């Protein structure tokens, strides 16, 4: 048991924390690739928010980039804008530096914020473990709540063979006032590269 706890602490960069479905979502204010800051409370006029922890270098994140772009357009129409958050340590992975984030966002034509979690505190507070790792949040009665945690869909390797679009299905349910049938799945991707 002690080893398991120590292992978890190591994976989380020294602090074992994270949210569960139904918890209050941690607030944040992080720098976007355009140099401006993006805060959770900037989105209080909508129904919620889709936060995707992702990065430049991870092969899984790369596989999902076009799907994330499509997903952002779909969820925004339902009142759930999407933001991408890069939590990786650029010392360990130079490809995930802020400068390279700006390049990637421009190359891919991101229509959503791509923000950097420089201290990794937001990733730790949410309990993000992989890239990509998604947290769907709702906003009602002055409070942000976590409504879904996990993968984007059920096939990381082949978008043509996706059978369940977990995030989009969750957002559709929430937008219609229902509880999603699936509220948690296992995120598939590269582990977050924590600072030493």
N, C-alpha and C. Protein backbone atom coordinates (compact mmCIF):
# COMPACT_ATOMS: atom_id res chain seq x y z
N UNK A 1 0.82 -1.21 0.00
CA UNK A 1 0.00 0.00 0.00
C UNK A 1 0.86 1.27 0.00
N UNK A 2 1.91 1.26 0.84
CA UNK A 2 2.80 2.42 0.89
C UNK A 2 3.45 2.64 -0.47
N UNK A 3 3.88 1.53 -1.10
CA UNK A 3 4.50 1.63 -2.43
C UNK A 3 3.53 2.21 -3.43
N UNK A 4 2.25 1.77 -3.37
CA UNK A 4 1.24 2.25 -4.31
C UNK A 4 1.02 3.74 -4.16
N UNK A 5 0.97 4.21 -2.93
CA UNK A 5 0.79 5.65 -2.68
C UNK A 5 2.00 6.42 -3.18
N UNK A 6 3.18 5.90 -2.89
CA UNK A 6 4.41 6.55 -3.34
C UNK A 6 4.47 6.61 -4.85
N UNK A 7 4.02 5.54 -5.50
CA UNK A 7 4.00 5.49 -6.96
C UNK A 7 3.05 6.54 -7.52
N UNK A 8 1.88 6.67 -6.91
CA UNK A 8 0.90 7.66 -7.36
C UNK A 8 1.44 9.08 -7.19
N UNK A 9 2.09 9.31 -6.05
CA UNK A 9 2.67 10.63 -5.81
C UNK A 9 3.72 10.95 -6.87
N UNK A 10 4.51 9.97 -7.23
CA UNK A 10 5.54 10.18 -8.25
C UNK A 10 4.91 10.49 -9.59
N UNK A 11 3.84 9.76 -9.94
CA UNK A 11 3.18 9.98 -11.22
C UNK A 11 2.59 11.39 -11.30
N UNK A 12 2.12 11.88 -10.18
CA UNK A 12 1.46 13.18 -10.15
C UNK A 12 2.43 14.32 -9.83
N UNK A 13 3.71 14.06 -9.98
CA UNK A 13 4.69 15.12 -9.75
C UNK A 13 4.80 15.50 -8.29
N UNK A 14 4.45 14.55 -7.40
CA UNK A 14 4.65 14.80 -5.98
C UNK A 14 3.38 15.06 -5.21
N UNK A 15 2.25 15.25 -5.88
CA UNK A 15 1.02 15.54 -5.18
C UNK A 15 -0.12 14.70 -5.75
N UNK A 16 -0.70 13.86 -4.91
CA UNK A 16 -1.81 13.01 -5.36
C UNK A 16 -3.12 13.77 -5.20
N UNK A 17 -3.59 14.34 -6.29
CA UNK A 17 -4.84 15.10 -6.26
C UNK A 17 -5.62 14.80 -7.53
N UNK A 18 -6.82 15.33 -7.61
CA UNK A 18 -7.62 15.14 -8.81
C UNK A 18 -9.09 15.23 -8.49
N UNK A 19 -9.90 15.46 -9.51
CA UNK A 19 -11.34 15.58 -9.33
C UNK A 19 -12.04 14.30 -9.76
N UNK A 20 -13.26 14.16 -9.27
CA UNK A 20 -14.16 13.09 -9.68
C UNK A 20 -15.39 13.72 -10.31
N UNK A 21 -16.16 12.92 -11.04
CA UNK A 21 -17.41 13.42 -11.61
C UNK A 21 -18.31 13.88 -10.47
N UNK A 22 -18.86 15.08 -10.64
CA UNK A 22 -19.71 15.67 -9.60
C UNK A 22 -19.00 16.68 -8.74
N UNK A 23 -17.65 16.68 -8.77
CA UNK A 23 -16.87 17.63 -7.97
C UNK A 23 -16.92 19.04 -8.58
N UNK A 24 -16.60 20.02 -7.74
CA UNK A 24 -16.43 21.38 -8.23
C UNK A 24 -15.14 21.44 -9.05
N UNK A 25 -15.19 22.05 -10.22
CA UNK A 25 -14.03 22.13 -11.10
C UNK A 25 -13.07 23.22 -10.62
N UNK A 26 -11.79 22.90 -10.52
CA UNK A 26 -10.80 23.91 -10.11
C UNK A 26 -10.73 25.06 -11.12
N UNK A 27 -10.61 26.25 -10.59
CA UNK A 27 -10.50 27.43 -11.45
C UNK A 27 -9.09 27.53 -12.01
N UNK A 28 -8.94 28.27 -13.10
CA UNK A 28 -7.61 28.48 -13.67
C UNK A 28 -7.58 29.76 -14.48
N UNK A 29 -6.36 30.24 -14.69
CA UNK A 29 -6.09 31.38 -15.56
C UNK A 29 -4.72 31.13 -16.16
N UNK A 30 -4.69 30.76 -17.44
CA UNK A 30 -3.46 30.33 -18.10
C UNK A 30 -3.25 31.07 -19.41
N UNK A 31 -1.99 31.13 -19.86
CA UNK A 31 -1.64 31.90 -21.06
C UNK A 31 -1.92 31.14 -22.34
N UNK A 32 -2.61 31.80 -23.26
CA UNK A 32 -2.93 31.25 -24.57
C UNK A 32 -1.76 31.52 -25.54
N UNK A 33 -1.80 30.86 -26.69
CA UNK A 33 -0.74 31.05 -27.68
C UNK A 33 -0.73 32.46 -28.27
N UNK A 34 -1.82 33.21 -28.08
CA UNK A 34 -1.84 34.59 -28.57
C UNK A 34 -1.30 35.58 -27.53
N UNK A 35 -0.81 35.05 -26.41
CA UNK A 35 -0.23 35.90 -25.36
C UNK A 35 -1.23 36.38 -24.34
N UNK A 36 -2.52 36.20 -24.61
CA UNK A 36 -3.57 36.62 -23.67
C UNK A 36 -3.88 35.48 -22.70
N UNK A 37 -4.44 35.85 -21.56
CA UNK A 37 -4.77 34.84 -20.56
C UNK A 37 -6.21 34.37 -20.71
N UNK A 38 -6.41 33.09 -20.48
CA UNK A 38 -7.73 32.48 -20.57
C UNK A 38 -8.08 31.92 -19.19
N UNK A 39 -9.25 32.29 -18.69
CA UNK A 39 -9.69 31.83 -17.37
C UNK A 39 -10.96 31.01 -17.49
N UNK A 40 -11.14 30.09 -16.57
CA UNK A 40 -12.36 29.28 -16.56
C UNK A 40 -13.59 30.16 -16.52
N UNK A 41 -13.54 31.19 -15.69
CA UNK A 41 -14.72 32.05 -15.54
C UNK A 41 -15.01 32.92 -16.75
N UNK A 42 -14.14 32.91 -17.75
CA UNK A 42 -14.45 33.60 -19.01
C UNK A 42 -15.61 32.93 -19.73
N UNK A 43 -15.94 31.70 -19.34
CA UNK A 43 -16.93 30.89 -20.06
C UNK A 43 -18.26 30.76 -19.32
N UNK A 44 -18.49 31.64 -18.35
CA UNK A 44 -19.72 31.55 -17.55
C UNK A 44 -20.99 31.85 -18.33
N UNK A 45 -20.87 32.44 -19.50
CA UNK A 45 -22.07 32.77 -20.29
C UNK A 45 -22.62 31.56 -21.03
N UNK A 46 -21.85 30.47 -21.09
CA UNK A 46 -22.31 29.27 -21.79
C UNK A 46 -22.86 28.23 -20.82
N UNK A 47 -23.08 27.04 -21.34
CA UNK A 47 -23.59 25.94 -20.52
C UNK A 47 -22.46 25.17 -19.85
N UNK A 48 -21.28 25.25 -20.44
CA UNK A 48 -20.15 24.51 -19.89
C UNK A 48 -18.90 24.70 -20.72
N UNK A 49 -17.97 23.76 -20.56
CA UNK A 49 -16.66 23.86 -21.22
C UNK A 49 -16.08 22.46 -21.38
N UNK A 50 -15.39 22.24 -22.49
CA UNK A 50 -14.64 21.01 -22.70
C UNK A 50 -13.16 21.35 -22.60
N UNK A 51 -12.48 20.80 -21.59
CA UNK A 51 -11.05 21.04 -21.39
C UNK A 51 -10.28 19.79 -21.76
N UNK A 52 -9.39 19.91 -22.75
CA UNK A 52 -8.61 18.78 -23.23
C UNK A 52 -7.14 19.00 -22.89
N UNK A 53 -6.60 18.17 -22.01
CA UNK A 53 -5.16 18.21 -21.75
C UNK A 53 -4.49 17.47 -22.90
N UNK A 54 -3.65 18.17 -23.65
CA UNK A 54 -3.02 17.60 -24.84
C UNK A 54 -1.67 18.27 -25.03
N UNK A 55 -1.00 17.95 -26.12
CA UNK A 55 0.34 18.50 -26.35
C UNK A 55 0.72 18.36 -27.82
N UNK A 56 1.92 18.78 -28.15
CA UNK A 56 2.41 18.69 -29.53
C UNK A 56 2.99 17.34 -29.88
N UNK A 57 3.77 16.75 -28.96
CA UNK A 57 4.65 15.63 -29.34
C UNK A 57 4.00 14.26 -29.27
N UNK A 58 3.06 14.05 -28.37
CA UNK A 58 2.51 12.71 -28.14
C UNK A 58 1.82 12.18 -29.40
N UNK A 59 2.17 10.97 -29.84
CA UNK A 59 1.53 10.42 -31.04
C UNK A 59 0.01 10.33 -30.93
N UNK A 60 -0.49 10.08 -29.72
CA UNK A 60 -1.94 10.01 -29.53
C UNK A 60 -2.58 11.39 -29.69
N UNK A 61 -1.92 12.40 -29.14
CA UNK A 61 -2.42 13.76 -29.30
C UNK A 61 -2.43 14.17 -30.77
N UNK A 62 -1.38 13.78 -31.48
CA UNK A 62 -1.29 14.09 -32.91
C UNK A 62 -2.42 13.38 -33.67
N UNK A 63 -2.66 12.11 -33.34
CA UNK A 63 -3.76 11.36 -33.99
C UNK A 63 -5.10 12.03 -33.77
N UNK A 64 -5.25 12.66 -32.61
CA UNK A 64 -6.54 13.25 -32.25
C UNK A 64 -6.69 14.72 -32.66
N UNK A 65 -5.64 15.34 -33.16
CA UNK A 65 -5.71 16.79 -33.45
C UNK A 65 -6.89 17.16 -34.35
N UNK A 66 -7.04 16.47 -35.47
CA UNK A 66 -8.13 16.82 -36.39
C UNK A 66 -9.49 16.53 -35.75
N UNK A 67 -9.56 15.47 -34.96
CA UNK A 67 -10.81 15.16 -34.26
C UNK A 67 -11.13 16.22 -33.21
N UNK A 68 -10.11 16.74 -32.56
CA UNK A 68 -10.32 17.80 -31.56
C UNK A 68 -10.84 19.07 -32.25
N UNK A 69 -10.30 19.38 -33.41
CA UNK A 69 -10.75 20.55 -34.17
C UNK A 69 -12.23 20.40 -34.54
N UNK A 70 -12.62 19.21 -35.01
CA UNK A 70 -14.02 18.94 -35.35
C UNK A 70 -14.90 18.98 -34.10
N UNK A 71 -14.40 18.35 -33.03
CA UNK A 71 -15.15 18.31 -31.78
C UNK A 71 -15.41 19.71 -31.25
N UNK A 72 -14.40 20.58 -31.35
CA UNK A 72 -14.54 21.96 -30.85
C UNK A 72 -15.70 22.68 -31.54
N UNK A 73 -15.82 22.48 -32.85
CA UNK A 73 -16.91 23.11 -33.60
C UNK A 73 -18.26 22.54 -33.17
N UNK A 74 -18.30 21.23 -32.96
CA UNK A 74 -19.56 20.57 -32.60
C UNK A 74 -20.02 20.95 -31.19
N UNK A 75 -19.11 20.94 -30.24
CA UNK A 75 -19.51 21.23 -28.86
C UNK A 75 -19.82 22.72 -28.65
N UNK A 76 -19.12 23.58 -29.39
CA UNK A 76 -19.38 25.02 -29.27
C UNK A 76 -20.83 25.34 -29.65
N UNK A 77 -21.34 24.67 -30.67
CA UNK A 77 -22.73 24.89 -31.09
C UNK A 77 -23.72 24.50 -30.00
N UNK A 78 -23.30 23.62 -29.11
CA UNK A 78 -24.17 23.15 -28.03
C UNK A 78 -23.98 23.94 -26.74
N UNK A 79 -23.14 24.99 -26.80
CA UNK A 79 -22.91 25.81 -25.63
C UNK A 79 -21.74 25.37 -24.77
N UNK A 80 -20.90 24.49 -25.33
CA UNK A 80 -19.73 23.98 -24.62
C UNK A 80 -18.47 24.23 -25.45
N UNK A 81 -17.88 25.43 -25.37
CA UNK A 81 -16.64 25.68 -26.10
C UNK A 81 -15.54 24.74 -25.63
N UNK A 82 -14.52 24.56 -26.46
CA UNK A 82 -13.41 23.68 -26.13
C UNK A 82 -12.14 24.49 -25.98
N UNK A 83 -11.31 24.10 -25.01
CA UNK A 83 -9.97 24.66 -24.88
C UNK A 83 -8.99 23.50 -24.76
N UNK A 84 -7.78 23.70 -25.24
CA UNK A 84 -6.72 22.71 -25.13
C UNK A 84 -5.68 23.24 -24.15
N UNK A 85 -5.21 22.37 -23.26
CA UNK A 85 -4.23 22.75 -22.24
C UNK A 85 -3.01 21.85 -22.36
N UNK A 86 -1.83 22.45 -22.55
CA UNK A 86 -0.59 21.68 -22.62
C UNK A 86 0.07 21.69 -21.23
N UNK A 87 0.13 20.51 -20.56
CA UNK A 87 0.70 20.45 -19.22
C UNK A 87 2.16 19.98 -19.18
N UNK A 88 2.74 19.63 -20.32
CA UNK A 88 4.05 18.96 -20.30
C UNK A 88 5.22 19.89 -19.98
N UNK A 89 6.23 19.31 -19.36
CA UNK A 89 7.47 20.02 -19.04
C UNK A 89 8.30 20.17 -20.32
N UNK A 90 8.50 21.40 -20.80
CA UNK A 90 9.26 21.59 -22.05
C UNK A 90 10.75 21.29 -21.90
N UNK A 91 11.23 21.18 -20.67
CA UNK A 91 12.62 20.78 -20.46
C UNK A 91 12.77 19.32 -20.86
N UNK A 92 11.80 18.51 -20.48
CA UNK A 92 11.83 17.09 -20.84
C UNK A 92 11.44 16.88 -22.30
N UNK A 93 10.50 17.70 -22.78
CA UNK A 93 10.03 17.55 -24.16
C UNK A 93 10.04 18.92 -24.84
N UNK A 94 11.16 19.31 -25.44
CA UNK A 94 11.26 20.63 -26.08
C UNK A 94 10.19 20.89 -27.14
N UNK A 95 9.70 19.83 -27.77
CA UNK A 95 8.66 19.99 -28.79
C UNK A 95 7.38 20.60 -28.21
N UNK A 96 7.21 20.48 -26.89
CA UNK A 96 6.02 21.01 -26.23
C UNK A 96 6.23 22.39 -25.62
N UNK A 97 7.27 23.09 -26.06
CA UNK A 97 7.53 24.45 -25.55
C UNK A 97 6.43 25.41 -25.99
N UNK A 98 6.33 26.52 -25.29
CA UNK A 98 5.32 27.53 -25.62
C UNK A 98 5.49 28.02 -27.05
N UNK A 99 6.73 28.24 -27.47
CA UNK A 99 6.98 28.71 -28.84
C UNK A 99 6.50 27.68 -29.86
N UNK A 100 6.74 26.41 -29.58
CA UNK A 100 6.28 25.36 -30.50
C UNK A 100 4.76 25.18 -30.46
N UNK A 101 4.15 25.48 -29.32
CA UNK A 101 2.69 25.48 -29.25
C UNK A 101 2.11 26.52 -30.21
N UNK A 102 2.73 27.69 -30.24
CA UNK A 102 2.26 28.76 -31.14
C UNK A 102 2.37 28.33 -32.60
N UNK A 103 3.46 27.66 -32.92
CA UNK A 103 3.66 27.17 -34.28
C UNK A 103 2.59 26.15 -34.64
N UNK A 104 2.36 25.17 -33.74
CA UNK A 104 1.40 24.11 -34.02
C UNK A 104 -0.02 24.67 -34.17
N UNK A 105 -0.40 25.58 -33.30
CA UNK A 105 -1.74 26.18 -33.37
C UNK A 105 -1.96 26.88 -34.70
N UNK A 106 -0.92 27.56 -35.19
CA UNK A 106 -1.03 28.26 -36.47
C UNK A 106 -1.08 27.27 -37.62
N UNK A 107 -0.21 26.26 -37.58
CA UNK A 107 -0.17 25.25 -38.64
C UNK A 107 -1.51 24.52 -38.79
N UNK A 108 -2.11 24.17 -37.66
CA UNK A 108 -3.36 23.40 -37.67
C UNK A 108 -4.60 24.28 -37.76
N UNK A 109 -4.42 25.58 -37.61
CA UNK A 109 -5.56 26.48 -37.66
C UNK A 109 -6.52 26.32 -36.50
N UNK A 110 -5.97 26.13 -35.30
CA UNK A 110 -6.82 25.97 -34.12
C UNK A 110 -7.77 27.16 -34.00
N UNK A 111 -9.04 26.86 -33.80
CA UNK A 111 -10.05 27.91 -33.63
C UNK A 111 -10.40 28.08 -32.15
N UNK A 112 -9.66 27.41 -31.30
CA UNK A 112 -9.91 27.42 -29.85
C UNK A 112 -8.61 27.77 -29.13
N UNK A 113 -8.69 28.20 -27.88
CA UNK A 113 -7.46 28.50 -27.14
C UNK A 113 -6.59 27.25 -26.95
N UNK A 114 -5.29 27.46 -27.05
CA UNK A 114 -4.31 26.41 -26.75
C UNK A 114 -3.43 27.03 -25.68
N UNK A 115 -3.67 26.65 -24.43
CA UNK A 115 -3.06 27.34 -23.30
C UNK A 115 -2.02 26.45 -22.61
N UNK A 116 -1.08 27.10 -21.95
CA UNK A 116 0.03 26.38 -21.33
C UNK A 116 -0.11 26.37 -19.81
N UNK A 117 0.02 25.19 -19.23
CA UNK A 117 -0.01 25.00 -17.78
C UNK A 117 1.45 24.93 -17.31
N UNK A 118 2.08 26.10 -17.22
CA UNK A 118 3.53 26.15 -16.98
C UNK A 118 3.94 25.51 -15.66
N UNK A 119 3.14 25.69 -14.61
CA UNK A 119 3.50 25.14 -13.30
C UNK A 119 3.00 23.71 -13.12
N UNK A 120 2.14 23.25 -14.02
CA UNK A 120 1.51 21.93 -13.98
C UNK A 120 0.51 21.80 -12.83
N UNK A 121 0.22 22.90 -12.15
CA UNK A 121 -0.69 22.84 -11.00
C UNK A 121 -2.13 22.52 -11.43
N UNK A 122 -2.53 23.00 -12.59
CA UNK A 122 -3.91 22.75 -13.04
C UNK A 122 -4.08 21.28 -13.42
N UNK A 123 -3.09 20.73 -14.10
CA UNK A 123 -3.14 19.30 -14.43
C UNK A 123 -3.22 18.47 -13.16
N UNK A 124 -2.46 18.86 -12.14
CA UNK A 124 -2.49 18.12 -10.87
C UNK A 124 -3.84 18.26 -10.18
N UNK A 125 -4.38 19.47 -10.18
CA UNK A 125 -5.67 19.70 -9.51
C UNK A 125 -6.79 18.91 -10.17
N UNK A 126 -6.74 18.82 -11.48
CA UNK A 126 -7.77 18.06 -12.19
C UNK A 126 -7.51 16.55 -12.13
N UNK A 127 -6.25 16.18 -11.95
CA UNK A 127 -5.90 14.77 -11.95
C UNK A 127 -5.65 14.23 -13.34
N UNK A 128 -5.30 15.13 -14.26
CA UNK A 128 -4.96 14.69 -15.62
C UNK A 128 -3.73 13.81 -15.57
N UNK A 129 -3.76 12.73 -16.32
CA UNK A 129 -2.64 11.78 -16.30
C UNK A 129 -2.03 11.57 -17.68
N UNK A 130 -2.82 11.80 -18.73
CA UNK A 130 -2.37 11.48 -20.08
C UNK A 130 -2.70 12.60 -21.05
N UNK A 131 -2.12 12.51 -22.23
CA UNK A 131 -2.50 13.40 -23.33
C UNK A 131 -2.92 12.52 -24.50
N UNK A 132 -4.18 12.71 -24.96
CA UNK A 132 -5.20 13.63 -24.45
C UNK A 132 -5.99 13.04 -23.27
N UNK A 133 -6.44 13.93 -22.40
CA UNK A 133 -7.30 13.58 -21.25
C UNK A 133 -8.34 14.68 -21.15
N UNK A 134 -9.62 14.32 -21.21
CA UNK A 134 -10.70 15.30 -21.33
C UNK A 134 -11.51 15.43 -20.04
N UNK A 135 -11.87 16.67 -19.73
CA UNK A 135 -12.75 16.98 -18.61
C UNK A 135 -13.87 17.87 -19.15
N UNK A 136 -15.11 17.36 -19.12
CA UNK A 136 -16.26 18.15 -19.54
C UNK A 136 -16.85 18.79 -18.28
N UNK A 137 -16.98 20.11 -18.32
CA UNK A 137 -17.47 20.87 -17.17
C UNK A 137 -18.81 21.50 -17.49
N UNK A 138 -19.66 21.63 -16.47
CA UNK A 138 -20.93 22.34 -16.63
C UNK A 138 -20.91 23.57 -15.74
N UNK A 139 -21.69 24.58 -16.16
CA UNK A 139 -21.81 25.79 -15.34
C UNK A 139 -23.28 26.08 -15.10
N UNK A 140 -23.67 26.08 -13.84
CA UNK A 140 -25.05 26.38 -13.48
C UNK A 140 -25.09 26.89 -12.04
N UNK A 141 -25.98 27.81 -11.80
CA UNK A 141 -26.18 28.36 -10.45
C UNK A 141 -24.87 28.84 -9.83
N UNK A 142 -24.03 29.45 -10.68
CA UNK A 142 -22.79 30.04 -10.19
C UNK A 142 -21.68 29.07 -9.85
N UNK A 143 -21.82 27.81 -10.28
CA UNK A 143 -20.79 26.81 -9.94
C UNK A 143 -20.38 25.99 -11.15
N UNK A 144 -19.08 25.70 -11.21
CA UNK A 144 -18.53 24.80 -12.23
C UNK A 144 -18.45 23.40 -11.65
N UNK A 145 -18.99 22.42 -12.37
CA UNK A 145 -18.97 21.03 -11.92
C UNK A 145 -18.38 20.13 -13.00
N UNK A 146 -17.74 19.06 -12.57
CA UNK A 146 -17.17 18.08 -13.49
C UNK A 146 -18.25 17.08 -13.87
N UNK A 147 -18.49 16.91 -15.17
CA UNK A 147 -19.57 16.04 -15.63
C UNK A 147 -19.08 14.80 -16.39
N UNK A 148 -17.87 14.86 -16.92
CA UNK A 148 -17.30 13.72 -17.65
C UNK A 148 -15.79 13.80 -17.58
N UNK A 149 -15.14 12.63 -17.44
CA UNK A 149 -13.68 12.55 -17.42
C UNK A 149 -13.26 11.36 -18.27
N UNK A 150 -12.28 11.58 -19.16
CA UNK A 150 -11.75 10.42 -19.87
C UNK A 150 -11.32 10.66 -21.29
N UNK A 151 -11.62 9.67 -22.15
CA UNK A 151 -11.19 9.67 -23.55
C UNK A 151 -12.17 10.45 -24.43
N UNK A 152 -11.69 10.84 -25.61
CA UNK A 152 -12.52 11.53 -26.59
C UNK A 152 -13.51 10.55 -27.22
N UNK A 153 -12.99 9.38 -27.61
CA UNK A 153 -13.84 8.36 -28.22
C UNK A 153 -13.23 6.99 -27.96
N UNK A 154 -13.76 5.97 -28.61
CA UNK A 154 -13.33 4.60 -28.30
C UNK A 154 -12.33 4.00 -29.29
N UNK A 155 -11.73 4.82 -30.15
CA UNK A 155 -10.73 4.28 -31.07
C UNK A 155 -9.67 5.33 -31.37
N UNK A 156 -8.57 5.25 -30.63
CA UNK A 156 -7.49 6.23 -30.82
C UNK A 156 -6.81 6.07 -32.17
N UNK A 157 -6.76 4.86 -32.67
CA UNK A 157 -5.97 4.58 -33.87
C UNK A 157 -6.68 4.86 -35.19
N UNK A 158 -8.00 4.68 -35.23
CA UNK A 158 -8.71 4.80 -36.50
C UNK A 158 -10.03 5.54 -36.33
N UNK A 159 -10.07 6.81 -36.74
CA UNK A 159 -11.30 7.58 -36.59
C UNK A 159 -12.48 7.00 -37.35
N UNK A 160 -12.19 6.23 -38.40
CA UNK A 160 -13.26 5.63 -39.21
C UNK A 160 -13.95 4.48 -38.47
N UNK A 161 -13.28 3.96 -37.45
CA UNK A 161 -13.84 2.82 -36.71
C UNK A 161 -14.37 3.19 -35.34
N UNK A 162 -14.53 4.48 -35.09
CA UNK A 162 -15.08 4.94 -33.81
C UNK A 162 -16.55 4.52 -33.72
N UNK A 163 -16.92 3.92 -32.62
CA UNK A 163 -18.31 3.54 -32.39
C UNK A 163 -18.97 4.40 -31.33
N UNK A 164 -18.18 4.88 -30.37
CA UNK A 164 -18.72 5.73 -29.30
C UNK A 164 -17.92 7.01 -29.19
N UNK A 165 -18.58 8.13 -29.39
CA UNK A 165 -17.93 9.44 -29.24
C UNK A 165 -18.27 9.97 -27.85
N UNK A 166 -17.48 9.53 -26.88
CA UNK A 166 -17.80 9.77 -25.48
C UNK A 166 -18.04 11.24 -25.14
N UNK A 167 -17.12 12.10 -25.56
CA UNK A 167 -17.23 13.52 -25.20
C UNK A 167 -18.44 14.16 -25.86
N UNK A 168 -18.60 13.94 -27.16
CA UNK A 168 -19.73 14.55 -27.86
C UNK A 168 -21.06 14.03 -27.31
N UNK A 169 -21.13 12.74 -27.02
CA UNK A 169 -22.35 12.17 -26.45
C UNK A 169 -22.66 12.79 -25.09
N UNK A 170 -21.61 12.98 -24.27
CA UNK A 170 -21.80 13.59 -22.95
C UNK A 170 -22.30 15.02 -23.08
N UNK A 171 -21.69 15.77 -23.99
CA UNK A 171 -22.08 17.17 -24.18
C UNK A 171 -23.51 17.27 -24.71
N UNK A 172 -23.87 16.40 -25.64
CA UNK A 172 -25.24 16.41 -26.16
C UNK A 172 -26.25 16.16 -25.03
N UNK A 173 -25.95 15.21 -24.16
CA UNK A 173 -26.84 14.92 -23.04
C UNK A 173 -26.94 16.12 -22.11
N UNK A 174 -25.80 16.68 -21.75
CA UNK A 174 -25.79 17.82 -20.83
C UNK A 174 -26.51 19.03 -21.42
N UNK A 175 -26.31 19.26 -22.71
CA UNK A 175 -26.96 20.40 -23.37
C UNK A 175 -28.48 20.26 -23.38
N UNK A 176 -28.95 19.02 -23.36
CA UNK A 176 -30.40 18.79 -23.35
C UNK A 176 -30.96 18.66 -21.94
N UNK A 177 -30.08 18.83 -20.95
CA UNK A 177 -30.54 18.79 -19.56
C UNK A 177 -30.51 17.40 -18.93
N UNK A 178 -29.87 16.44 -19.61
CA UNK A 178 -29.81 15.07 -19.10
C UNK A 178 -28.42 14.75 -18.56
N UNK A 179 -28.36 13.70 -17.76
CA UNK A 179 -27.08 13.18 -17.28
C UNK A 179 -26.52 12.23 -18.33
N UNK A 180 -25.25 12.37 -18.69
CA UNK A 180 -24.67 11.47 -19.69
C UNK A 180 -24.76 10.01 -19.26
N UNK A 181 -24.98 9.13 -20.22
CA UNK A 181 -25.02 7.69 -19.94
C UNK A 181 -23.65 7.20 -19.49
N UNK A 182 -22.61 7.78 -20.05
CA UNK A 182 -21.23 7.44 -19.68
C UNK A 182 -20.56 8.70 -19.15
N UNK A 183 -20.09 8.64 -17.91
CA UNK A 183 -19.49 9.82 -17.29
C UNK A 183 -17.99 9.67 -17.06
N UNK A 184 -17.47 8.47 -17.23
CA UNK A 184 -16.03 8.27 -17.05
C UNK A 184 -15.53 7.13 -17.92
N UNK A 185 -14.42 7.36 -18.60
CA UNK A 185 -13.76 6.33 -19.39
C UNK A 185 -12.26 6.44 -19.13
N UNK A 186 -11.51 5.47 -19.62
CA UNK A 186 -10.06 5.50 -19.44
C UNK A 186 -9.41 6.32 -20.54
N UNK A 187 -8.64 7.33 -20.15
CA UNK A 187 -7.91 8.13 -21.13
C UNK A 187 -6.77 7.31 -21.71
N UNK A 188 -6.68 7.31 -23.04
CA UNK A 188 -5.61 6.59 -23.73
C UNK A 188 -4.66 7.60 -24.32
N UNK A 189 -3.38 7.49 -23.98
CA UNK A 189 -2.41 8.44 -24.52
C UNK A 189 -1.08 8.35 -23.79
N UNK A 190 -0.23 9.33 -24.05
CA UNK A 190 1.08 9.38 -23.41
C UNK A 190 0.93 9.94 -21.99
N UNK A 191 1.77 9.48 -21.08
CA UNK A 191 1.73 10.03 -19.74
C UNK A 191 2.22 11.48 -19.78
N UNK A 192 1.67 12.30 -18.89
CA UNK A 192 2.12 13.68 -18.79
C UNK A 192 3.57 13.70 -18.33
N UNK A 193 4.35 14.57 -18.92
CA UNK A 193 5.76 14.68 -18.58
C UNK A 193 5.93 15.70 -17.44
N UNK A 194 6.01 15.16 -16.23
CA UNK A 194 6.07 16.02 -15.03
C UNK A 194 7.46 16.59 -14.83
N UNK A 195 7.52 17.76 -14.23
CA UNK A 195 8.80 18.38 -13.87
C UNK A 195 9.47 17.55 -12.77
N UNK A 196 10.80 17.58 -12.77
CA UNK A 196 11.55 16.87 -11.71
C UNK A 196 11.34 17.58 -10.39
